[in-house]
Every structure is written in C-alpha cells, then in structure tokens.
Amino acid sequence: MVELSAAAQKLKTACDTAYDNNASSCSNAVWDVVKAIVNPDEPFRQANKLIDNMAVNWTKVSLDKGYELANQGVVVVGGANASPNGHVIVIYPGDKKGNGGYSYFWKKGNKNLILTATGIYARCMSTSMGSWPGAQSRGDKTVWDPWGSDDKFDDVEFWTPKTSTQT
C-alpha cells in the first residue's frame, strides 16, 4: 500500500471534496481541485476548453509519470475532447488497482453485466453528468474506467502544471 505524504493527502482531500460537491460535473470537480492545489484564481472552463488550455499551458505527461506525480501531491489532469462534451479527471493518489469490476446495463442484451478487468491502472477522481457507472469515482475506480474501453482510453492525455506553484 502506498503511504501518502502530506502533499498527497492534501490532493486526496481536495479530490474527495470536489467529488462530494460536484456529482454531475467533471469540469467543476476538476476546477475545484485545480483551485485548491494549483491556482485559487484559475478561471472555469468546460472540459473541452480545459483540455485545449492544458495542451498549451500545462506539461503533457505519461500515465506512469502522472501516477508518480499524483503520489507526490501534484495535480495531474487527464482528459479527452469529445462532442458535445469532453471528459476530465484527476489522478487520485494511492495504489493502482484493476479496472472494471462494476456493473452496467447493456441495452442491446437488455441485461446487467459486470465489466471485467483488463489491466492495472492509477485511481482517479471523476464525476459526470452521464450515466456510465465508470465515470463516478472517489478513488474507487481507475483512470481507464470513465471511458470504459481501450479504444476510447487511447484518446486520453494527461497534463500537470508547468510551474511548481503548487502548495
């Protein structure tokens, strides 16, 4: 089990608070974490605009590097643009875990299924206005789960602030 530093515990607390306060808005949840840890004056942006801004003003990192940074208490945002709304998450500090393991409704088969694990990933904080159960995570699901497939997850990128102004 990963022992959390004070900085990582601060990030975890910010993620938990953002999750509790923004059950149906990934953009607002991520914004709350960024304001709490990186910049209290950060302007609000919807997911697609936030991703566009991070691509220019933040540093792109690999998932492995993002996991390492999150466990040091550094904010790492993951996201993918989509139409009409993209989706953004924060890498949650702590141990990695298997993706999947939750039930979802398969309309075509008209039945509930369990999404089986396909790999081990960093955990995430994620909220969503959508109904996909993998998109709701207070660190209990992985960075893969909000997208629910390898094809969709291939489009996800991760960023961290360029400056070390995080406290």
N, C-alpha and C. Protein backbone atom coordinates (compact mmCIF):
# COMPACT_ATOMS: atom_id res chain seq x y z
N MET A 1 0.84 -1.18 0.00
CA MET A 1 0.00 0.00 0.00
C MET A 1 0.88 1.25 0.00
N VAL A 2 0.53 2.22 -0.83
CA VAL A 2 1.28 3.46 -0.92
C VAL A 2 1.01 4.31 0.32
N GLU A 3 2.09 4.72 0.99
CA GLU A 3 1.99 5.62 2.14
C GLU A 3 1.92 7.04 1.59
N LEU A 4 0.85 7.77 1.92
CA LEU A 4 0.65 9.10 1.37
C LEU A 4 1.41 10.15 2.16
N SER A 5 2.15 10.98 1.43
CA SER A 5 2.83 12.14 2.03
C SER A 5 1.78 13.18 2.39
N ALA A 6 2.18 14.20 3.11
CA ALA A 6 1.26 15.29 3.45
C ALA A 6 0.71 15.95 2.19
N ALA A 7 1.56 16.14 1.17
CA ALA A 7 1.11 16.75 -0.08
C ALA A 7 0.11 15.85 -0.81
N ALA A 8 0.37 14.55 -0.82
CA ALA A 8 -0.55 13.62 -1.47
C ALA A 8 -1.87 13.54 -0.70
N GLN A 9 -1.80 13.61 0.61
CA GLN A 9 -3.02 13.62 1.43
C GLN A 9 -3.83 14.88 1.14
N LYS A 10 -3.15 16.01 0.96
CA LYS A 10 -3.84 17.26 0.60
C LYS A 10 -4.55 17.12 -0.75
N LEU A 11 -3.88 16.49 -1.72
CA LEU A 11 -4.50 16.25 -3.02
C LEU A 11 -5.70 15.31 -2.88
N LYS A 12 -5.56 14.26 -2.12
CA LYS A 12 -6.67 13.32 -1.89
C LYS A 12 -7.86 14.03 -1.28
N THR A 13 -7.62 14.87 -0.28
CA THR A 13 -8.70 15.62 0.36
C THR A 13 -9.37 16.56 -0.62
N ALA A 14 -8.58 17.24 -1.46
CA ALA A 14 -9.15 18.13 -2.48
C ALA A 14 -10.00 17.34 -3.47
N CYS A 15 -9.53 16.17 -3.86
CA CYS A 15 -10.30 15.31 -4.77
C CYS A 15 -11.61 14.85 -4.13
N ASP A 16 -11.53 14.42 -2.87
CA ASP A 16 -12.74 13.95 -2.17
C ASP A 16 -13.76 15.08 -2.04
N THR A 17 -13.31 16.27 -1.69
CA THR A 17 -14.21 17.41 -1.55
C THR A 17 -14.82 17.77 -2.90
N ALA A 18 -14.02 17.79 -3.95
CA ALA A 18 -14.52 18.10 -5.29
C ALA A 18 -15.55 17.06 -5.73
N TYR A 19 -15.28 15.81 -5.46
CA TYR A 19 -16.23 14.74 -5.81
C TYR A 19 -17.55 14.95 -5.07
N ASP A 20 -17.47 15.20 -3.78
CA ASP A 20 -18.68 15.38 -2.97
C ASP A 20 -19.50 16.59 -3.41
N ASN A 21 -18.85 17.63 -3.89
CA ASN A 21 -19.54 18.88 -4.23
C ASN A 21 -19.97 18.98 -5.69
N ASN A 22 -19.57 18.05 -6.53
CA ASN A 22 -19.82 18.17 -7.98
C ASN A 22 -20.19 16.83 -8.61
N ALA A 23 -21.21 16.20 -8.11
CA ALA A 23 -21.55 14.84 -8.58
C ALA A 23 -21.84 14.76 -10.06
N SER A 24 -22.28 15.84 -10.68
CA SER A 24 -22.68 15.74 -12.08
C SER A 24 -21.89 16.66 -13.02
N SER A 25 -20.72 17.11 -12.59
CA SER A 25 -19.93 17.98 -13.47
C SER A 25 -18.44 17.69 -13.32
N CYS A 26 -17.88 16.99 -14.30
CA CYS A 26 -16.45 16.71 -14.27
C CYS A 26 -15.65 18.00 -14.33
N SER A 27 -16.10 18.96 -15.12
CA SER A 27 -15.38 20.23 -15.27
C SER A 27 -15.31 20.98 -13.95
N ASN A 28 -16.42 21.05 -13.24
CA ASN A 28 -16.43 21.74 -11.95
C ASN A 28 -15.60 20.99 -10.92
N ALA A 29 -15.64 19.67 -10.93
CA ALA A 29 -14.86 18.89 -9.97
C ALA A 29 -13.37 19.12 -10.19
N VAL A 30 -12.92 19.03 -11.43
CA VAL A 30 -11.51 19.25 -11.73
C VAL A 30 -11.13 20.70 -11.40
N TRP A 31 -11.99 21.63 -11.73
CA TRP A 31 -11.74 23.05 -11.43
C TRP A 31 -11.53 23.24 -9.94
N ASP A 32 -12.37 22.61 -9.11
CA ASP A 32 -12.23 22.72 -7.66
C ASP A 32 -10.86 22.22 -7.19
N VAL A 33 -10.39 21.10 -7.75
CA VAL A 33 -9.08 20.57 -7.37
C VAL A 33 -7.97 21.52 -7.80
N VAL A 34 -8.05 22.02 -9.03
CA VAL A 34 -7.04 22.95 -9.53
C VAL A 34 -7.00 24.21 -8.66
N LYS A 35 -8.17 24.73 -8.30
CA LYS A 35 -8.21 25.93 -7.44
C LYS A 35 -7.65 25.64 -6.05
N ALA A 36 -7.91 24.46 -5.51
CA ALA A 36 -7.45 24.12 -4.16
C ALA A 36 -5.95 23.89 -4.09
N ILE A 37 -5.34 23.36 -5.15
CA ILE A 37 -3.94 22.95 -5.09
C ILE A 37 -3.03 23.82 -5.96
N VAL A 38 -3.48 24.22 -7.13
CA VAL A 38 -2.60 24.88 -8.10
C VAL A 38 -2.75 26.39 -8.10
N ASN A 39 -3.97 26.89 -8.33
CA ASN A 39 -4.19 28.32 -8.51
C ASN A 39 -5.60 28.69 -8.08
N PRO A 40 -5.75 29.38 -6.95
CA PRO A 40 -7.09 29.73 -6.48
C PRO A 40 -7.83 30.68 -7.42
N ASP A 41 -7.12 31.32 -8.33
CA ASP A 41 -7.75 32.25 -9.27
C ASP A 41 -7.98 31.65 -10.65
N GLU A 42 -7.81 30.34 -10.78
CA GLU A 42 -7.99 29.67 -12.07
C GLU A 42 -9.41 29.90 -12.59
N PRO A 43 -9.57 30.40 -13.82
CA PRO A 43 -10.92 30.58 -14.37
C PRO A 43 -11.56 29.24 -14.73
N PHE A 44 -12.88 29.21 -14.66
CA PHE A 44 -13.61 28.00 -15.01
C PHE A 44 -13.61 27.78 -16.51
N ARG A 45 -13.45 26.53 -16.92
CA ARG A 45 -13.55 26.12 -18.32
C ARG A 45 -14.28 24.78 -18.38
N GLN A 46 -15.18 24.63 -19.35
CA GLN A 46 -15.80 23.33 -19.59
C GLN A 46 -14.71 22.37 -20.07
N ALA A 47 -14.98 21.08 -20.03
CA ALA A 47 -13.97 20.05 -20.30
C ALA A 47 -13.18 20.27 -21.59
N ASN A 48 -13.85 20.47 -22.72
CA ASN A 48 -13.12 20.63 -23.98
C ASN A 48 -12.21 21.85 -23.95
N LYS A 49 -12.69 22.95 -23.42
CA LYS A 49 -11.87 24.18 -23.33
C LYS A 49 -10.74 23.98 -22.32
N LEU A 50 -11.01 23.27 -21.23
CA LEU A 50 -9.96 22.99 -20.24
C LEU A 50 -8.85 22.16 -20.87
N ILE A 51 -9.22 21.14 -21.63
CA ILE A 51 -8.24 20.29 -22.30
C ILE A 51 -7.42 21.11 -23.28
N ASP A 52 -8.09 21.96 -24.07
CA ASP A 52 -7.38 22.82 -25.03
C ASP A 52 -6.39 23.73 -24.31
N ASN A 53 -6.80 24.29 -23.17
CA ASN A 53 -5.92 25.16 -22.39
C ASN A 53 -4.72 24.39 -21.83
N MET A 54 -4.97 23.21 -21.31
CA MET A 54 -3.87 22.41 -20.74
C MET A 54 -2.88 21.99 -21.81
N ALA A 55 -3.37 21.69 -23.01
CA ALA A 55 -2.49 21.28 -24.10
C ALA A 55 -1.47 22.37 -24.44
N VAL A 56 -1.84 23.63 -24.17
CA VAL A 56 -0.95 24.76 -24.48
C VAL A 56 -0.16 25.21 -23.25
N ASN A 57 -0.81 25.23 -22.09
CA ASN A 57 -0.24 25.88 -20.91
C ASN A 57 0.24 24.93 -19.81
N TRP A 58 -0.01 23.65 -19.93
CA TRP A 58 0.44 22.68 -18.96
C TRP A 58 1.44 21.75 -19.64
N THR A 59 2.07 20.87 -18.89
CA THR A 59 3.03 19.92 -19.43
C THR A 59 2.36 18.56 -19.58
N LYS A 60 2.43 18.00 -20.78
CA LYS A 60 1.90 16.67 -21.03
C LYS A 60 2.82 15.65 -20.37
N VAL A 61 2.22 14.66 -19.70
CA VAL A 61 2.98 13.60 -19.05
C VAL A 61 2.38 12.25 -19.40
N SER A 62 3.18 11.22 -19.27
CA SER A 62 2.67 9.86 -19.47
C SER A 62 1.81 9.48 -18.27
N LEU A 63 1.01 8.46 -18.44
CA LEU A 63 0.21 7.97 -17.33
C LEU A 63 1.09 7.53 -16.17
N ASP A 64 2.19 6.83 -16.45
CA ASP A 64 3.09 6.39 -15.38
C ASP A 64 3.68 7.57 -14.63
N LYS A 65 4.11 8.59 -15.36
CA LYS A 65 4.65 9.79 -14.70
C LYS A 65 3.55 10.49 -13.92
N GLY A 66 2.35 10.54 -14.47
CA GLY A 66 1.22 11.16 -13.77
C GLY A 66 0.92 10.46 -12.46
N TYR A 67 0.97 9.13 -12.47
CA TYR A 67 0.75 8.34 -11.26
C TYR A 67 1.81 8.69 -10.21
N GLU A 68 3.06 8.75 -10.64
CA GLU A 68 4.16 9.10 -9.74
C GLU A 68 3.96 10.50 -9.16
N LEU A 69 3.61 11.46 -10.01
CA LEU A 69 3.41 12.85 -9.55
C LEU A 69 2.23 12.96 -8.59
N ALA A 70 1.12 12.29 -8.90
CA ALA A 70 -0.05 12.34 -8.01
C ALA A 70 0.30 11.82 -6.62
N ASN A 71 1.15 10.81 -6.56
CA ASN A 71 1.55 10.28 -5.26
C ASN A 71 2.54 11.18 -4.54
N GLN A 72 2.98 12.24 -5.21
CA GLN A 72 3.79 13.29 -4.58
C GLN A 72 2.93 14.50 -4.25
N GLY A 73 1.63 14.43 -4.58
CA GLY A 73 0.71 15.52 -4.28
C GLY A 73 0.56 16.53 -5.41
N VAL A 74 1.07 16.21 -6.59
CA VAL A 74 0.98 17.10 -7.74
C VAL A 74 -0.31 16.81 -8.50
N VAL A 75 -1.02 17.86 -8.89
CA VAL A 75 -2.24 17.70 -9.65
C VAL A 75 -1.90 17.22 -11.07
N VAL A 76 -2.55 16.13 -11.47
CA VAL A 76 -2.43 15.61 -12.83
C VAL A 76 -3.85 15.42 -13.35
N VAL A 77 -4.17 16.13 -14.42
CA VAL A 77 -5.49 16.06 -15.03
C VAL A 77 -5.41 15.21 -16.28
N GLY A 78 -6.36 14.33 -16.43
CA GLY A 78 -6.49 13.53 -17.65
C GLY A 78 -7.75 13.93 -18.36
N GLY A 79 -7.75 13.82 -19.67
CA GLY A 79 -8.95 14.16 -20.40
C GLY A 79 -8.90 13.82 -21.86
N ALA A 80 -10.08 13.83 -22.45
CA ALA A 80 -10.22 13.61 -23.88
C ALA A 80 -11.36 14.50 -24.38
N ASN A 81 -11.10 15.22 -25.47
CA ASN A 81 -12.14 16.01 -26.11
C ASN A 81 -13.16 15.09 -26.75
N ALA A 82 -14.41 15.52 -26.76
CA ALA A 82 -15.48 14.79 -27.42
C ALA A 82 -16.58 15.79 -27.76
N SER A 83 -17.47 15.40 -28.62
CA SER A 83 -18.60 16.26 -29.00
C SER A 83 -19.88 15.63 -28.48
N PRO A 84 -20.72 16.35 -27.77
CA PRO A 84 -20.61 17.77 -27.49
C PRO A 84 -19.75 18.10 -26.26
N ASN A 85 -19.51 17.11 -25.41
CA ASN A 85 -18.75 17.37 -24.19
C ASN A 85 -17.61 16.38 -24.02
N GLY A 86 -16.43 16.90 -23.71
CA GLY A 86 -15.31 16.04 -23.37
C GLY A 86 -15.45 15.58 -21.93
N HIS A 87 -14.42 14.92 -21.45
CA HIS A 87 -14.42 14.47 -20.06
C HIS A 87 -13.04 14.67 -19.47
N VAL A 88 -13.00 15.11 -18.20
CA VAL A 88 -11.75 15.32 -17.49
C VAL A 88 -11.82 14.65 -16.12
N ILE A 89 -10.65 14.23 -15.65
CA ILE A 89 -10.50 13.55 -14.37
C ILE A 89 -9.23 14.06 -13.69
N VAL A 90 -9.04 13.68 -12.45
CA VAL A 90 -7.78 13.94 -11.74
C VAL A 90 -7.24 12.59 -11.28
N ILE A 91 -5.94 12.37 -11.48
CA ILE A 91 -5.33 11.15 -10.95
C ILE A 91 -5.33 11.25 -9.43
N TYR A 92 -5.86 10.23 -8.80
CA TYR A 92 -6.06 10.16 -7.35
C TYR A 92 -4.85 9.46 -6.72
N PRO A 93 -4.28 10.02 -5.69
CA PRO A 93 -3.12 9.36 -5.08
C PRO A 93 -3.49 8.04 -4.42
N GLY A 94 -2.54 7.13 -4.40
CA GLY A 94 -2.74 5.83 -3.77
C GLY A 94 -2.28 4.71 -4.68
N ASP A 95 -2.58 3.50 -4.27
CA ASP A 95 -2.20 2.30 -5.02
C ASP A 95 -2.93 2.22 -6.36
N LYS A 96 -2.34 1.50 -7.29
CA LYS A 96 -3.03 1.16 -8.53
C LYS A 96 -4.01 0.04 -8.23
N LYS A 97 -4.94 -0.17 -9.14
CA LYS A 97 -5.91 -1.26 -8.98
C LYS A 97 -6.39 -1.70 -10.34
N GLY A 98 -7.08 -2.83 -10.36
CA GLY A 98 -7.66 -3.33 -11.59
C GLY A 98 -8.83 -2.47 -12.03
N ASN A 99 -8.92 -2.24 -13.33
CA ASN A 99 -10.07 -1.50 -13.84
C ASN A 99 -11.30 -2.41 -13.83
N GLY A 100 -12.45 -1.83 -14.13
CA GLY A 100 -13.69 -2.60 -14.19
C GLY A 100 -14.15 -3.07 -12.82
N GLY A 101 -14.91 -4.17 -12.84
CA GLY A 101 -15.42 -4.73 -11.59
C GLY A 101 -16.77 -4.16 -11.18
N TYR A 102 -17.34 -3.27 -11.98
CA TYR A 102 -18.64 -2.68 -11.65
C TYR A 102 -19.66 -3.12 -12.69
N SER A 103 -20.94 -3.05 -12.31
CA SER A 103 -21.99 -3.47 -13.23
C SER A 103 -22.44 -2.30 -14.09
N TYR A 104 -22.93 -2.64 -15.26
CA TYR A 104 -23.51 -1.66 -16.17
C TYR A 104 -24.64 -2.34 -16.94
N PHE A 105 -25.54 -1.53 -17.46
CA PHE A 105 -26.68 -2.07 -18.20
C PHE A 105 -26.35 -2.11 -19.69
N TRP A 106 -26.46 -3.28 -20.29
CA TRP A 106 -26.23 -3.45 -21.72
C TRP A 106 -27.59 -3.43 -22.40
N LYS A 107 -27.88 -2.32 -23.09
CA LYS A 107 -29.20 -2.14 -23.71
C LYS A 107 -29.49 -3.19 -24.77
N LYS A 108 -28.50 -3.49 -25.62
CA LYS A 108 -28.71 -4.44 -26.71
C LYS A 108 -29.13 -5.81 -26.18
N GLY A 109 -28.51 -6.24 -25.09
CA GLY A 109 -28.84 -7.53 -24.50
C GLY A 109 -29.90 -7.43 -23.42
N ASN A 110 -30.28 -6.19 -23.08
CA ASN A 110 -31.28 -5.91 -22.06
C ASN A 110 -30.96 -6.63 -20.74
N LYS A 111 -29.70 -6.47 -20.31
CA LYS A 111 -29.32 -7.11 -19.04
C LYS A 111 -28.15 -6.36 -18.41
N ASN A 112 -27.96 -6.60 -17.14
CA ASN A 112 -26.82 -6.04 -16.41
C ASN A 112 -25.62 -6.96 -16.57
N LEU A 113 -24.47 -6.35 -16.81
CA LEU A 113 -23.23 -7.09 -16.95
C LEU A 113 -22.19 -6.51 -15.99
N ILE A 114 -21.16 -7.26 -15.72
CA ILE A 114 -20.04 -6.79 -14.92
C ILE A 114 -18.87 -6.54 -15.88
N LEU A 115 -18.32 -5.33 -15.83
CA LEU A 115 -17.16 -5.02 -16.67
C LEU A 115 -15.95 -5.72 -16.07
N THR A 116 -15.35 -6.61 -16.82
CA THR A 116 -14.21 -7.37 -16.32
C THR A 116 -12.92 -6.58 -16.48
N ALA A 117 -12.01 -6.80 -15.56
CA ALA A 117 -10.73 -6.09 -15.56
C ALA A 117 -9.88 -6.49 -16.75
N THR A 118 -9.17 -5.50 -17.30
CA THR A 118 -8.25 -5.75 -18.41
C THR A 118 -6.84 -5.27 -18.08
N GLY A 119 -6.68 -4.60 -16.94
CA GLY A 119 -5.36 -4.10 -16.59
C GLY A 119 -5.35 -3.43 -15.23
N ILE A 120 -4.16 -3.00 -14.81
CA ILE A 120 -3.96 -2.32 -13.55
C ILE A 120 -3.64 -0.86 -13.86
N TYR A 121 -4.35 0.06 -13.22
CA TYR A 121 -4.22 1.49 -13.52
C TYR A 121 -4.21 2.32 -12.24
N ALA A 122 -3.78 3.57 -12.40
CA ALA A 122 -3.90 4.55 -11.32
C ALA A 122 -5.38 4.81 -11.06
N ARG A 123 -5.68 5.18 -9.84
CA ARG A 123 -7.04 5.54 -9.46
C ARG A 123 -7.35 6.96 -9.95
N CYS A 124 -8.63 7.31 -9.94
CA CYS A 124 -9.00 8.67 -10.35
C CYS A 124 -10.13 9.23 -9.51
N MET A 125 -10.26 10.55 -9.60
CA MET A 125 -11.45 11.26 -9.13
C MET A 125 -12.16 11.68 -10.40
N SER A 126 -13.42 11.28 -10.51
CA SER A 126 -14.20 11.57 -11.70
C SER A 126 -15.66 11.73 -11.33
N THR A 127 -16.29 12.73 -11.90
CA THR A 127 -17.74 12.88 -11.80
C THR A 127 -18.26 13.10 -13.21
N SER A 128 -19.57 12.97 -13.39
CA SER A 128 -20.11 13.08 -14.75
C SER A 128 -21.60 13.33 -14.74
N MET A 129 -22.06 14.06 -15.76
CA MET A 129 -23.49 14.24 -15.95
C MET A 129 -24.09 13.03 -16.66
N GLY A 130 -23.25 12.16 -17.19
CA GLY A 130 -23.71 10.98 -17.89
C GLY A 130 -24.05 9.84 -16.94
N SER A 131 -24.49 8.74 -17.51
CA SER A 131 -24.95 7.61 -16.69
C SER A 131 -23.95 6.46 -16.63
N TRP A 132 -22.79 6.57 -17.31
CA TRP A 132 -21.82 5.48 -17.28
C TRP A 132 -21.28 5.32 -15.87
N PRO A 133 -21.45 4.15 -15.24
CA PRO A 133 -21.03 3.98 -13.85
C PRO A 133 -19.52 4.12 -13.62
N GLY A 134 -18.72 3.91 -14.65
CA GLY A 134 -17.27 4.05 -14.50
C GLY A 134 -16.82 5.48 -14.39
N ALA A 135 -17.71 6.43 -14.69
CA ALA A 135 -17.35 7.85 -14.66
C ALA A 135 -17.58 8.49 -13.29
N GLN A 136 -18.04 7.74 -12.33
CA GLN A 136 -18.21 8.24 -10.96
C GLN A 136 -17.18 7.55 -10.08
N SER A 137 -16.18 8.31 -9.63
CA SER A 137 -15.11 7.69 -8.85
C SER A 137 -14.56 8.64 -7.81
N ARG A 138 -14.57 8.20 -6.59
CA ARG A 138 -13.92 8.90 -5.48
C ARG A 138 -12.68 8.08 -5.11
N GLY A 139 -11.90 7.75 -6.14
CA GLY A 139 -10.71 6.94 -5.94
C GLY A 139 -10.98 5.45 -5.95
N ASP A 140 -12.23 5.05 -6.16
CA ASP A 140 -12.57 3.62 -6.16
C ASP A 140 -12.50 3.01 -7.56
N LYS A 141 -12.37 3.85 -8.59
CA LYS A 141 -12.22 3.36 -9.96
C LYS A 141 -10.93 3.93 -10.52
N THR A 142 -10.58 3.46 -11.71
CA THR A 142 -9.30 3.84 -12.28
C THR A 142 -9.44 4.91 -13.36
N VAL A 143 -8.30 5.41 -13.81
CA VAL A 143 -8.28 6.41 -14.87
C VAL A 143 -8.85 5.84 -16.18
N TRP A 144 -8.87 4.53 -16.35
CA TRP A 144 -9.42 3.89 -17.53
C TRP A 144 -10.94 3.84 -17.50
N ASP A 145 -11.52 3.68 -16.31
CA ASP A 145 -12.94 3.39 -16.16
C ASP A 145 -13.90 4.44 -16.71
N PRO A 146 -13.63 5.74 -16.62
CA PRO A 146 -14.59 6.70 -17.17
C PRO A 146 -14.83 6.54 -18.67
N TRP A 147 -13.86 5.96 -19.37
CA TRP A 147 -14.00 5.78 -20.81
C TRP A 147 -14.50 4.38 -21.14
N GLY A 148 -14.21 3.39 -20.32
CA GLY A 148 -14.80 2.07 -20.43
C GLY A 148 -14.36 1.20 -21.58
N SER A 149 -13.37 1.62 -22.35
CA SER A 149 -12.85 0.76 -23.42
C SER A 149 -11.44 1.21 -23.77
N ASP A 150 -10.65 0.26 -24.25
CA ASP A 150 -9.28 0.59 -24.65
C ASP A 150 -9.26 1.60 -25.80
N ASP A 151 -10.19 1.45 -26.74
CA ASP A 151 -10.23 2.37 -27.88
C ASP A 151 -10.46 3.81 -27.43
N LYS A 152 -11.40 4.02 -26.53
CA LYS A 152 -11.67 5.37 -26.03
C LYS A 152 -10.52 5.87 -25.15
N PHE A 153 -9.97 4.98 -24.33
CA PHE A 153 -8.89 5.38 -23.43
C PHE A 153 -7.64 5.78 -24.19
N ASP A 154 -7.45 5.25 -25.39
CA ASP A 154 -6.30 5.63 -26.22
C ASP A 154 -6.28 7.12 -26.53
N ASP A 155 -7.43 7.79 -26.46
CA ASP A 155 -7.52 9.23 -26.75
C ASP A 155 -7.25 10.11 -25.53
N VAL A 156 -7.12 9.51 -24.35
CA VAL A 156 -6.92 10.27 -23.12
C VAL A 156 -5.46 10.70 -23.00
N GLU A 157 -5.28 11.97 -22.64
CA GLU A 157 -3.94 12.50 -22.38
C GLU A 157 -3.92 13.06 -20.96
N PHE A 158 -2.70 13.23 -20.42
CA PHE A 158 -2.53 13.69 -19.04
C PHE A 158 -1.60 14.90 -19.01
N TRP A 159 -1.93 15.86 -18.13
CA TRP A 159 -1.15 17.08 -18.00
C TRP A 159 -0.97 17.45 -16.54
N THR A 160 0.10 18.18 -16.29
CA THR A 160 0.38 18.75 -14.98
C THR A 160 0.83 20.19 -15.18
N PRO A 161 0.63 21.05 -14.20
CA PRO A 161 1.04 22.46 -14.38
C PRO A 161 2.52 22.57 -14.72
N LYS A 162 2.87 23.55 -15.58
CA LYS A 162 4.26 23.77 -15.97
C LYS A 162 5.08 24.33 -14.83
N THR A 163 4.46 25.12 -13.99
CA THR A 163 5.21 25.75 -12.89
C THR A 163 5.07 24.93 -11.63
N SER A 164 5.96 25.18 -10.71
CA SER A 164 5.89 24.46 -9.43
C SER A 164 5.24 25.34 -8.37
N THR A 165 4.14 26.01 -8.74
CA THR A 165 3.44 26.89 -7.79
C THR A 165 2.49 26.12 -6.89
N GLN A 166 2.42 24.81 -7.06
CA GLN A 166 1.52 24.04 -6.22
C GLN A 166 2.03 24.04 -4.79
N THR A 167 1.09 24.14 -3.88
CA THR A 167 1.43 24.16 -2.45
C THR A 167 1.01 22.90 -1.76
